[in-house]
Amino acid sequence: MSFVTKLWLSSKSAIASSSSNAQEKMRAIAYSMDLLIPGLYIWLPRGFTLRIGGSLPDDEPYKYPGMIHSSAGFGLVLPGYKILTTYQGSYDPKQTPDIGFTKL
């Protein structure tokens, strides 16, 4: 019985570690695209990411909070601040829905 419990706990921590690693990779893509750092960025469901170029987030003086709010997409940032991407959302972690009008 204890073997089964240990096995379940170890697999649960491996999943949590994998999830954290995937979130950090997505954060690096968000950072690079947000700052228009040249590179090729691809992200797919289940944590698959590909980042050629770009940069890791600079967490000084604070941790970069941006995130990508879509499960799949790609981005190509070219020198000269030209960007081609499927992502049209905000990098703001507190994203509010855009309902198309402002009520005063």
PDB file of N, CA and C in Angstrom:
ATOM      1  N   MET A   1       0.823  -1.190   0.000  1.00  0.00           N
ATOM      2  CA  MET A   1       0.000   0.000   0.000  1.00  0.00           C
ATOM      3  C   MET A   1       0.871   1.260   0.000  1.00  0.00           C
ATOM      4  N   SER A   2       1.927   1.279   0.797  1.00  0.00           N
ATOM      5  CA  SER A   2       2.780   2.469   0.852  1.00  0.00           C
ATOM      6  C   SER A   2       3.531   2.662  -0.465  1.00  0.00           C
ATOM      7  N   PHE A   3       3.871   1.567  -1.167  1.00  0.00           N
ATOM      8  CA  PHE A   3       4.545   1.673  -2.455  1.00  0.00           C
ATOM      9  C   PHE A   3       3.655   2.410  -3.462  1.00  0.00           C
ATOM     10  N   VAL A   4       2.373   2.068  -3.474  1.00  0.00           N
ATOM     11  CA  VAL A   4       1.439   2.715  -4.386  1.00  0.00           C
ATOM     12  C   VAL A   4       1.325   4.198  -4.061  1.00  0.00           C
ATOM     13  N   THR A   5       1.273   4.543  -2.788  1.00  0.00           N
ATOM     14  CA  THR A   5       1.181   5.939  -2.376  1.00  0.00           C
ATOM     15  C   THR A   5       2.428   6.706  -2.802  1.00  0.00           C
ATOM     16  N   LYS A   6       3.610   6.125  -2.594  1.00  0.00           N
ATOM     17  CA  LYS A   6       4.851   6.787  -2.993  1.00  0.00           C
ATOM     18  C   LYS A   6       4.914   6.962  -4.502  1.00  0.00           C
ATOM     19  N   LEU A   7       4.478   5.953  -5.236  1.00  0.00           N
ATOM     20  CA  LEU A   7       4.486   6.021  -6.687  1.00  0.00           C
ATOM     21  C   LEU A   7       3.561   7.144  -7.166  1.00  0.00           C
ATOM     22  N   TRP A   8       2.382   7.247  -6.585  1.00  0.00           N
ATOM     23  CA  TRP A   8       1.435   8.277  -6.975  1.00  0.00           C
ATOM     24  C   TRP A   8       1.985   9.659  -6.641  1.00  0.00           C
ATOM     25  N   LEU A   9       2.585   9.817  -5.469  1.00  0.00           N
ATOM     26  CA  LEU A   9       3.134  11.102  -5.073  1.00  0.00           C
ATOM     27  C   LEU A   9       4.292  11.519  -5.971  1.00  0.00           C
ATOM     28  N   SER A  10       5.142  10.570  -6.325  1.00  0.00           N
ATOM     29  CA  SER A  10       6.269  10.921  -7.176  1.00  0.00           C
ATOM     30  C   SER A  10       5.798  11.286  -8.573  1.00  0.00           C
ATOM     31  N   SER A  11       4.799  10.608  -9.103  1.00  0.00           N
ATOM     32  CA  SER A  11       4.314  10.965 -10.437  1.00  0.00           C
ATOM     33  C   SER A  11       3.582  12.303 -10.400  1.00  0.00           C
ATOM     34  N   LYS A  12       2.914  12.599  -9.294  1.00  0.00           N
ATOM     35  CA  LYS A  12       2.227  13.883  -9.164  1.00  0.00           C
ATOM     36  C   LYS A  12       3.239  15.027  -9.126  1.00  0.00           C
ATOM     37  N   SER A  13       4.341  14.856  -8.406  1.00  0.00           N
ATOM     38  CA  SER A  13       5.349  15.914  -8.353  1.00  0.00           C
ATOM     39  C   SER A  13       6.045  16.061  -9.703  1.00  0.00           C
ATOM     40  N   ALA A  14       6.208  14.970 -10.444  1.00  0.00           N
ATOM     41  CA  ALA A  14       6.810  15.058 -11.779  1.00  0.00           C
ATOM     42  C   ALA A  14       5.909  15.839 -12.717  1.00  0.00           C
ATOM     43  N   ILE A  15       4.596  15.651 -12.597  1.00  0.00           N
ATOM     44  CA  ILE A  15       3.651  16.391 -13.429  1.00  0.00           C
ATOM     45  C   ILE A  15       3.691  17.868 -13.064  1.00  0.00           C
ATOM     46  N   ALA A  16       3.745  18.181 -11.768  1.00  0.00           N
ATOM     47  CA  ALA A  16       3.810  19.577 -11.330  1.00  0.00           C
ATOM     48  C   ALA A  16       5.087  20.234 -11.829  1.00  0.00           C
ATOM     49  N   SER A  17       6.199  19.513 -11.771  1.00  0.00           N
ATOM     50  CA  SER A  17       7.472  20.045 -12.250  1.00  0.00           C
ATOM     51  C   SER A  17       7.412  20.284 -13.757  1.00  0.00           C
ATOM     52  N   SER A  18       6.821  19.353 -14.483  1.00  0.00           N
ATOM     53  CA  SER A  18       6.685  19.481 -15.923  1.00  0.00           C
ATOM     54  C   SER A  18       5.800  20.675 -16.273  1.00  0.00           C
ATOM     55  N   SER A  19       4.727  20.858 -15.523  1.00  0.00           N
ATOM     56  CA  SER A  19       3.821  21.981 -15.747  1.00  0.00           C
ATOM     57  C   SER A  19       4.525  23.307 -15.490  1.00  0.00           C
ATOM     58  N   SER A  20       5.315  23.371 -14.430  1.00  0.00           N
ATOM     59  CA  SER A  20       6.063  24.581 -14.103  1.00  0.00           C
ATOM     60  C   SER A  20       7.085  24.897 -15.196  1.00  0.00           C
ATOM     61  N   ASN A  21       7.750  23.876 -15.700  1.00  0.00           N
ATOM     62  CA  ASN A  21       8.730  24.053 -16.775  1.00  0.00           C
ATOM     63  C   ASN A  21       8.037  24.567 -18.040  1.00  0.00           C
ATOM     64  N   ALA A  22       6.864  24.015 -18.357  1.00  0.00           N
ATOM     65  CA  ALA A  22       6.118  24.458 -19.534  1.00  0.00           C
ATOM     66  C   ALA A  22       5.680  25.914 -19.375  1.00  0.00           C
ATOM     67  N   GLN A  23       5.277  26.308 -18.169  1.00  0.00           N
ATOM     68  CA  GLN A  23       4.871  27.689 -17.922  1.00  0.00           C
ATOM     69  C   GLN A  23       6.047  28.646 -18.091  1.00  0.00           C
ATOM     70  N   GLU A  24       7.228  28.230 -17.659  1.00  0.00           N
ATOM     71  CA  GLU A  24       8.421  29.073 -17.819  1.00  0.00           C
ATOM     72  C   GLU A  24       8.786  29.228 -19.292  1.00  0.00           C
ATOM     73  N   LYS A  25       8.623  28.159 -20.076  1.00  0.00           N
ATOM     74  CA  LYS A  25       8.900  28.245 -21.512  1.00  0.00           C
ATOM     75  C   LYS A  25       7.911  29.188 -22.193  1.00  0.00           C
ATOM     76  N   MET A  26       6.632  29.119 -21.789  1.00  0.00           N
ATOM     77  CA  MET A  26       5.619  30.022 -22.349  1.00  0.00           C
ATOM     78  C   MET A  26       5.887  31.467 -21.925  1.00  0.00           C
ATOM     79  N   ARG A  27       6.365  31.650 -20.706  1.00  0.00           N
ATOM     80  CA  ARG A  27       6.696  32.988 -20.213  1.00  0.00           C
ATOM     81  C   ARG A  27       7.853  33.574 -21.033  1.00  0.00           C
ATOM     82  N   ALA A  28       8.833  32.734 -21.389  1.00  0.00           N
ATOM     83  CA  ALA A  28       9.960  33.190 -22.212  1.00  0.00           C
ATOM     84  C   ALA A  28       9.479  33.607 -23.607  1.00  0.00           C
ATOM     85  N   ILE A  29       8.523  32.879 -24.166  1.00  0.00           N
ATOM     86  CA  ILE A  29       7.972  33.250 -25.474  1.00  0.00           C
ATOM     87  C   ILE A  29       7.206  34.561 -25.361  1.00  0.00           C
ATOM     88  N   ALA A  30       6.382  34.693 -24.328  1.00  0.00           N
ATOM     89  CA  ALA A  30       5.616  35.931 -24.134  1.00  0.00           C
ATOM     90  C   ALA A  30       6.552  37.122 -23.975  1.00  0.00           C
ATOM     91  N   TYR A  31       7.595  36.962 -23.188  1.00  0.00           N
ATOM     92  CA  TYR A  31       8.578  38.025 -22.959  1.00  0.00           C
ATOM     93  C   TYR A  31       9.231  38.441 -24.271  1.00  0.00           C
ATOM     94  N   SER A  32       9.681  37.448 -25.046  1.00  0.00           N
ATOM     95  CA  SER A  32      10.387  37.730 -26.294  1.00  0.00           C
ATOM     96  C   SER A  32       9.484  38.405 -27.316  1.00  0.00           C
ATOM     97  N   MET A  33       8.243  37.941 -27.428  1.00  0.00           N
ATOM     98  CA  MET A  33       7.325  38.555 -28.384  1.00  0.00           C
ATOM     99  C   MET A  33       6.872  39.932 -27.908  1.00  0.00           C
ATOM    100  N   ASP A  34       6.666  40.091 -26.613  1.00  0.00           N
ATOM    101  CA  ASP A  34       6.242  41.372 -26.057  1.00  0.00           C
ATOM    102  C   ASP A  34       7.305  42.446 -26.289  1.00  0.00           C
ATOM    103  N   LEU A  35       8.574  42.081 -26.158  1.00  0.00           N
ATOM    104  CA  LEU A  35       9.666  43.031 -26.363  1.00  0.00           C
ATOM    105  C   LEU A  35      10.160  43.069 -27.805  1.00  0.00           C
ATOM    106  N   LEU A  36       9.495  42.320 -28.699  1.00  0.00           N
ATOM    107  CA  LEU A  36       9.841  42.259 -30.125  1.00  0.00           C
ATOM    108  C   LEU A  36      11.295  41.860 -30.351  1.00  0.00           C
ATOM    109  N   ILE A  37      11.736  40.828 -29.627  1.00  0.00           N
ATOM    110  CA  ILE A  37      13.081  40.287 -29.796  1.00  0.00           C
ATOM    111  C   ILE A  37      13.032  39.291 -30.959  1.00  0.00           C
ATOM    112  N   PRO A  38      13.847  39.490 -32.000  1.00  0.00           N
ATOM    113  CA  PRO A  38      13.779  38.630 -33.182  1.00  0.00           C
ATOM    114  C   PRO A  38      13.889  37.139 -32.841  1.00  0.00           C
ATOM    115  N   GLY A  39      13.021  36.341 -33.489  1.00  0.00           N
ATOM    116  CA  GLY A  39      13.041  34.898 -33.296  1.00  0.00           C
ATOM    117  C   GLY A  39      11.796  34.251 -33.874  1.00  0.00           C
ATOM    118  N   LEU A  40      11.788  32.926 -33.808  1.00  0.00           N
ATOM    119  CA  LEU A  40      10.655  32.110 -34.236  1.00  0.00           C
ATOM    120  C   LEU A  40      10.090  31.445 -32.987  1.00  0.00           C
ATOM    121  N   TYR A  41       8.786  31.563 -32.781  1.00  0.00           N
ATOM    122  CA  TYR A  41       8.142  31.053 -31.572  1.00  0.00           C
ATOM    123  C   TYR A  41       6.928  30.217 -31.959  1.00  0.00           C
ATOM    124  N   ILE A  42       6.870  29.001 -31.445  1.00  0.00           N
ATOM    125  CA  ILE A  42       5.737  28.111 -31.695  1.00  0.00           C
ATOM    126  C   ILE A  42       5.319  27.517 -30.365  1.00  0.00           C
ATOM    127  N   TRP A  43       4.022  27.508 -30.096  1.00  0.00           N
ATOM    128  CA  TRP A  43       3.509  26.866 -28.885  1.00  0.00           C
ATOM    129  C   TRP A  43       2.262  26.071 -29.254  1.00  0.00           C
ATOM    130  N   LEU A  44       2.180  24.878 -28.699  1.00  0.00           N
ATOM    131  CA  LEU A  44       1.078  23.955 -28.956  1.00  0.00           C
ATOM    132  C   LEU A  44       0.543  23.432 -27.625  1.00  0.00           C
ATOM    133  N   PRO A  45      -0.641  22.838 -27.647  1.00  0.00           N
ATOM    134  CA  PRO A  45      -1.173  22.260 -26.403  1.00  0.00           C
ATOM    135  C   PRO A  45      -0.237  21.196 -25.831  1.00  0.00           C
ATOM    136  N   ARG A  46      -0.450  20.874 -24.579  1.00  0.00           N
ATOM    137  CA  ARG A  46       0.333  19.875 -23.838  1.00  0.00           C
ATOM    138  C   ARG A  46       1.764  20.310 -23.578  1.00  0.00           C
ATOM    139  N   GLY A  47       2.014  21.620 -23.628  1.00  0.00           N
ATOM    140  CA  GLY A  47       3.319  22.131 -23.222  1.00  0.00           C
ATOM    141  C   GLY A  47       4.419  22.086 -24.254  1.00  0.00           C
ATOM    142  N   PHE A  48       4.107  21.767 -25.519  1.00  0.00           N
ATOM    143  CA  PHE A  48       5.155  21.759 -26.542  1.00  0.00           C
ATOM    144  C   PHE A  48       5.441  23.187 -26.967  1.00  0.00           C
ATOM    145  N   THR A  49       6.694  23.606 -26.869  1.00  0.00           N
ATOM    146  CA  THR A  49       7.099  24.941 -27.305  1.00  0.00           C
ATOM    147  C   THR A  49       8.393  24.850 -28.093  1.00  0.00           C
ATOM    148  N   LEU A  50       8.564  25.798 -29.001  1.00  0.00           N
ATOM    149  CA  LEU A  50       9.802  25.914 -29.758  1.00  0.00           C
ATOM    150  C   LEU A  50      10.142  27.396 -29.801  1.00  0.00           C
ATOM    151  N   ARG A  51      11.331  27.721 -29.327  1.00  0.00           N
ATOM    152  CA  ARG A  51      11.791  29.119 -29.326  1.00  0.00           C
ATOM    153  C   ARG A  51      13.176  29.139 -29.953  1.00  0.00           C
ATOM    154  N   ILE A  52      13.273  29.726 -31.141  1.00  0.00           N
ATOM    155  CA  ILE A  52      14.563  29.905 -31.801  1.00  0.00           C
ATOM    156  C   ILE A  52      14.828  31.407 -31.803  1.00  0.00           C
ATOM    157  N   GLY A  53      15.805  31.820 -31.057  1.00  0.00           N
ATOM    158  CA  GLY A  53      16.057  33.239 -30.864  1.00  0.00           C
ATOM    159  C   GLY A  53      15.391  33.688 -29.576  1.00  0.00           C
ATOM    160  N   GLY A  54      15.068  34.947 -29.508  1.00  0.00           N
ATOM    161  CA  GLY A  54      14.413  35.459 -28.313  1.00  0.00           C
ATOM    162  C   GLY A  54      15.358  35.521 -27.129  1.00  0.00           C
ATOM    163  N   SER A  55      14.774  35.609 -25.948  1.00  0.00           N
ATOM    164  CA  SER A  55      15.555  35.753 -24.735  1.00  0.00           C
ATOM    165  C   SER A  55      14.769  35.232 -23.544  1.00  0.00           C
ATOM    166  N   LEU A  56      15.490  34.847 -22.516  1.00  0.00           N
ATOM    167  CA  LEU A  56      14.838  34.489 -21.257  1.00  0.00           C
ATOM    168  C   LEU A  56      14.411  35.769 -20.552  1.00  0.00           C
ATOM    169  N   PRO A  57      13.312  35.724 -19.800  1.00  0.00           N
ATOM    170  CA  PRO A  57      12.856  36.931 -19.111  1.00  0.00           C
ATOM    171  C   PRO A  57      13.884  37.459 -18.121  1.00  0.00           C
ATOM    172  N   ASP A  58      14.041  38.766 -18.126  1.00  0.00           N
ATOM    173  CA  ASP A  58      14.910  39.433 -17.169  1.00  0.00           C
ATOM    174  C   ASP A  58      14.060  39.714 -15.930  1.00  0.00           C
ATOM    175  N   ASP A  59      14.312  39.014 -14.856  1.00  0.00           N
ATOM    176  CA  ASP A  59      13.473  39.102 -13.659  1.00  0.00           C
ATOM    177  C   ASP A  59      13.983  40.124 -12.650  1.00  0.00           C
ATOM    178  N   GLU A  60      14.855  41.015 -13.073  1.00  0.00           N
ATOM    179  CA  GLU A  60      15.315  42.089 -12.182  1.00  0.00           C
ATOM    180  C   GLU A  60      14.812  43.413 -12.713  1.00  0.00           C
ATOM    181  N   PRO A  61      14.214  44.251 -12.002  1.00  0.00           N
ATOM    182  CA  PRO A  61      13.974  44.268 -10.563  1.00  0.00           C
ATOM    183  C   PRO A  61      12.700  43.532 -10.151  1.00  0.00           C
ATOM    184  N   TYR A  62      11.888  43.034 -11.113  1.00  0.00           N
ATOM    185  CA  TYR A  62      10.699  42.269 -10.764  1.00  0.00           C
ATOM    186  C   TYR A  62      10.518  41.156 -11.784  1.00  0.00           C
ATOM    187  N   LYS A  63       9.725  40.156 -11.432  1.00  0.00           N
ATOM    188  CA  LYS A  63       9.487  39.022 -12.316  1.00  0.00           C
ATOM    189  C   LYS A  63       8.510  39.427 -13.423  1.00  0.00           C
ATOM    190  N   TYR A  64       8.884  39.154 -14.662  1.00  0.00           N
ATOM    191  CA  TYR A  64       8.019  39.479 -15.797  1.00  0.00           C
ATOM    192  C   TYR A  64       6.694  38.731 -15.662  1.00  0.00           C
ATOM    193  N   PRO A  65       5.557  39.435 -15.613  1.00  0.00           N
ATOM    194  CA  PRO A  65       4.279  38.782 -15.342  1.00  0.00           C
ATOM    195  C   PRO A  65       3.500  38.358 -16.586  1.00  0.00           C
ATOM    196  N   GLY A  66       3.960  38.701 -17.785  1.00  0.00           N
ATOM    197  CA  GLY A  66       3.181  38.448 -18.990  1.00  0.00           C
ATOM    198  C   GLY A  66       2.942  36.982 -19.276  1.00  0.00           C
ATOM    199  N   MET A  67       1.867  36.714 -20.001  1.00  0.00           N
ATOM    200  CA  MET A  67       1.550  35.346 -20.402  1.00  0.00           C
ATOM    201  C   MET A  67       0.785  35.368 -21.719  1.00  0.00           C
ATOM    202  N   ILE A  68       0.796  34.227 -22.384  1.00  0.00           N
ATOM    203  CA  ILE A  68       0.057  34.062 -23.630  1.00  0.00           C
ATOM    204  C   ILE A  68      -1.251  33.368 -23.281  1.00  0.00           C
ATOM    205  N   HIS A  69      -2.362  33.941 -23.744  1.00  0.00           N
ATOM    206  CA  HIS A  69      -3.679  33.428 -23.394  1.00  0.00           C
ATOM    207  C   HIS A  69      -4.291  32.588 -24.517  1.00  0.00           C
ATOM    208  N   SER A  70      -3.480  31.832 -25.212  1.00  0.00           N
ATOM    209  CA  SER A  70      -3.998  30.917 -26.229  1.00  0.00           C
ATOM    210  C   SER A  70      -3.221  29.612 -26.126  1.00  0.00           C
ATOM    211  N   SER A  71      -3.871  28.519 -26.497  1.00  0.00           N
ATOM    212  CA  SER A  71      -3.232  27.214 -26.329  1.00  0.00           C
ATOM    213  C   SER A  71      -2.305  26.850 -27.483  1.00  0.00           C
ATOM    214  N   ALA A  72      -2.468  27.476 -28.640  1.00  0.00           N
ATOM    215  CA  ALA A  72      -1.622  27.145 -29.784  1.00  0.00           C
ATOM    216  C   ALA A  72      -1.425  28.377 -30.658  1.00  0.00           C
ATOM    217  N   GLY A  73      -0.261  28.456 -31.273  1.00  0.00           N
ATOM    218  CA  GLY A  73      -0.004  29.558 -32.191  1.00  0.00           C
ATOM    219  C   GLY A  73       1.461  29.636 -32.557  1.00  0.00           C
ATOM    220  N   PHE A  74       1.778  30.636 -33.347  1.00  0.00           N
ATOM    221  CA  PHE A  74       3.180  30.866 -33.706  1.00  0.00           C
ATOM    222  C   PHE A  74       3.411  32.354 -33.866  1.00  0.00           C
ATOM    223  N   GLY A  75       4.665  32.728 -33.770  1.00  0.00           N
ATOM    224  CA  GLY A  75       5.053  34.111 -33.977  1.00  0.00           C
ATOM    225  C   GLY A  75       6.416  34.160 -34.637  1.00  0.00           C
ATOM    226  N   LEU A  76       6.586  35.112 -35.504  1.00  0.00           N
ATOM    227  CA  LEU A  76       7.865  35.351 -36.152  1.00  0.00           C
ATOM    228  C   LEU A  76       8.157  36.834 -36.000  1.00  0.00           C
ATOM    229  N   VAL A  77       9.218  37.146 -35.264  1.00  0.00           N
ATOM    230  CA  VAL A  77       9.623  38.534 -35.069  1.00  0.00           C
ATOM    231  C   VAL A  77      10.894  38.748 -35.882  1.00  0.00           C
ATOM    232  N   LEU A  78      10.824  39.710 -36.789  1.00  0.00           N
ATOM    233  CA  LEU A  78      11.945  40.011 -37.666  1.00  0.00           C
ATOM    234  C   LEU A  78      12.659  41.271 -37.179  1.00  0.00           C
ATOM    235  N   PRO A  79      13.931  41.424 -37.537  1.00  0.00           N
ATOM    236  CA  PRO A  79      14.629  42.659 -37.190  1.00  0.00           C
ATOM    237  C   PRO A  79      13.870  43.870 -37.746  1.00  0.00           C
ATOM    238  N   GLY A  80      13.951  44.975 -37.047  1.00  0.00           N
ATOM    239  CA  GLY A  80      13.228  46.164 -37.467  1.00  0.00           C
ATOM    240  C   GLY A  80      11.825  46.217 -36.877  1.00  0.00           C
ATOM    241  N   TYR A  81      11.576  45.414 -35.843  1.00  0.00           N
ATOM    242  CA  TYR A  81      10.296  45.406 -35.122  1.00  0.00           C
ATOM    243  C   TYR A  81       9.114  45.013 -35.991  1.00  0.00           C
ATOM    244  N   LYS A  82       9.328  44.084 -36.916  1.00  0.00           N
ATOM    245  CA  LYS A  82       8.241  43.536 -37.721  1.00  0.00           C
ATOM    246  C   LYS A  82       7.834  42.204 -37.098  1.00  0.00           C
ATOM    247  N   ILE A  83       6.542  42.022 -36.858  1.00  0.00           N
ATOM    248  CA  ILE A  83       6.066  40.804 -36.219  1.00  0.00           C
ATOM    249  C   ILE A  83       4.918  40.207 -37.018  1.00  0.00           C
ATOM    250  N   LEU A  84       4.992  38.910 -37.221  1.00  0.00           N
ATOM    251  CA  LEU A  84       3.914  38.131 -37.834  1.00  0.00           C
ATOM    252  C   LEU A  84       3.517  37.090 -36.787  1.00  0.00           C
ATOM    253  N   THR A  85       2.271  37.102 -36.376  1.00  0.00           N
ATOM    254  CA  THR A  85       1.858  36.170 -35.332  1.00  0.00           C
ATOM    255  C   THR A  85       0.378  35.842 -35.443  1.00  0.00           C
ATOM    256  N   THR A  86       0.022  34.671 -34.937  1.00  0.00           N
ATOM    257  CA  THR A  86      -1.388  34.303 -34.838  1.00  0.00           C
ATOM    258  C   THR A  86      -1.982  34.844 -33.549  1.00  0.00           C
ATOM    259  N   TYR A  87      -1.137  35.261 -32.617  1.00  0.00           N
ATOM    260  CA  TYR A  87      -1.603  35.719 -31.315  1.00  0.00           C
ATOM    261  C   TYR A  87      -2.006  37.186 -31.380  1.00  0.00           C
ATOM    262  N   GLN A  88      -3.247  37.478 -31.023  1.00  0.00           N
ATOM    263  CA  GLN A  88      -3.752  38.846 -31.082  1.00  0.00           C
ATOM    264  C   GLN A  88      -4.167  39.370 -29.713  1.00  0.00           C
ATOM    265  N   GLY A  89      -3.884  38.611 -28.657  1.00  0.00           N
ATOM    266  CA  GLY A  89      -4.318  39.004 -27.322  1.00  0.00           C
ATOM    267  C   GLY A  89      -3.328  39.900 -26.610  1.00  0.00           C
ATOM    268  N   SER A  90      -3.612  40.116 -25.344  1.00  0.00           N
ATOM    269  CA  SER A  90      -2.761  40.923 -24.479  1.00  0.00           C
ATOM    270  C   SER A  90      -1.819  40.003 -23.713  1.00  0.00           C
ATOM    271  N   TYR A  91      -0.681  40.541 -23.289  1.00  0.00           N
ATOM    272  CA  TYR A  91       0.244  39.780 -22.450  1.00  0.00           C
ATOM    273  C   TYR A  91      -0.033  40.029 -20.973  1.00  0.00           C
ATOM    274  N   ASP A  92      -1.032  40.843 -20.684  1.00  0.00           N
ATOM    275  CA  ASP A  92      -1.385  41.203 -19.317  1.00  0.00           C
ATOM    276  C   ASP A  92      -1.952  39.985 -18.586  1.00  0.00           C
ATOM    277  N   PRO A  93      -1.413  39.650 -17.413  1.00  0.00           N
ATOM    278  CA  PRO A  93      -1.940  38.489 -16.682  1.00  0.00           C
ATOM    279  C   PRO A  93      -3.355  38.716 -16.157  1.00  0.00           C
ATOM    280  N   LYS A  94      -3.787  39.971 -16.024  1.00  0.00           N
ATOM    281  CA  LYS A  94      -5.133  40.288 -15.554  1.00  0.00           C
ATOM    282  C   LYS A  94      -5.965  40.743 -16.732  1.00  0.00           C
ATOM    283  N   GLN A  95      -6.009  39.914 -17.766  1.00  0.00           N
ATOM    284  CA  GLN A  95      -6.687  40.266 -18.998  1.00  0.00           C
ATOM    285  C   GLN A  95      -8.183  40.429 -18.748  1.00  0.00           C
ATOM    286  N   THR A  96      -8.727  41.526 -19.257  1.00  0.00           N
ATOM    287  CA  THR A  96     -10.158  41.755 -19.160  1.00  0.00           C
ATOM    288  C   THR A  96     -10.774  41.526 -20.528  1.00  0.00           C
ATOM    289  N   PRO A  97     -11.996  41.035 -20.556  1.00  0.00           N
ATOM    290  CA  PRO A  97     -12.614  40.764 -21.862  1.00  0.00           C
ATOM    291  C   PRO A  97     -12.879  42.055 -22.622  1.00  0.00           C
ATOM    292  N   ASP A  98     -12.625  42.032 -23.909  1.00  0.00           N
ATOM    293  CA  ASP A  98     -12.899  43.179 -24.765  1.00  0.00           C
ATOM    294  C   ASP A  98     -14.289  42.987 -25.341  1.00  0.00           C
ATOM    295  N   ILE A  99     -15.240  43.792 -24.875  1.00  0.00           N
ATOM    296  CA  ILE A  99     -16.619  43.639 -25.325  1.00  0.00           C
ATOM    297  C   ILE A  99     -16.969  44.613 -26.430  1.00  0.00           C
ATOM    298  N   GLY A 100     -16.024  45.430 -26.860  1.00  0.00           N
ATOM    299  CA  GLY A 100     -16.234  46.259 -28.036  1.00  0.00           C
ATOM    300  C   GLY A 100     -16.763  47.654 -27.775  1.00  0.00           C
ATOM    301  N   PHE A 101     -17.146  47.970 -26.564  1.00  0.00           N
ATOM    302  CA  PHE A 101     -17.604  49.321 -26.280  1.00  0.00           C
ATOM    303  C   PHE A 101     -17.240  49.681 -24.851  1.00  0.00           C
ATOM    304  N   THR A 102     -17.178  50.961 -24.588  1.00  0.00           N
ATOM    305  CA  THR A 102     -16.850  51.450 -23.263  1.00  0.00           C
ATOM    306  C   THR A 102     -18.064  52.149 -22.685  1.00  0.00           C
ATOM    307  N   LYS A 103     -18.424  51.765 -21.482  1.00  0.00           N
ATOM    308  CA  LYS A 103     -19.583  52.363 -20.823  1.00  0.00           C
ATOM    309  C   LYS A 103     -19.068  53.374 -19.820  1.00  0.00           C
ATOM    310  N   LEU A 104     -19.511  54.630 -19.913  1.00  0.00           N
ATOM    311  CA  LEU A 104     -19.072  55.674 -18.993  1.00  0.00           C
ATOM    312  C   LEU A 104     -20.090  55.922 -17.931  1.00  0.00           C
TER     313      LEU A 104
END
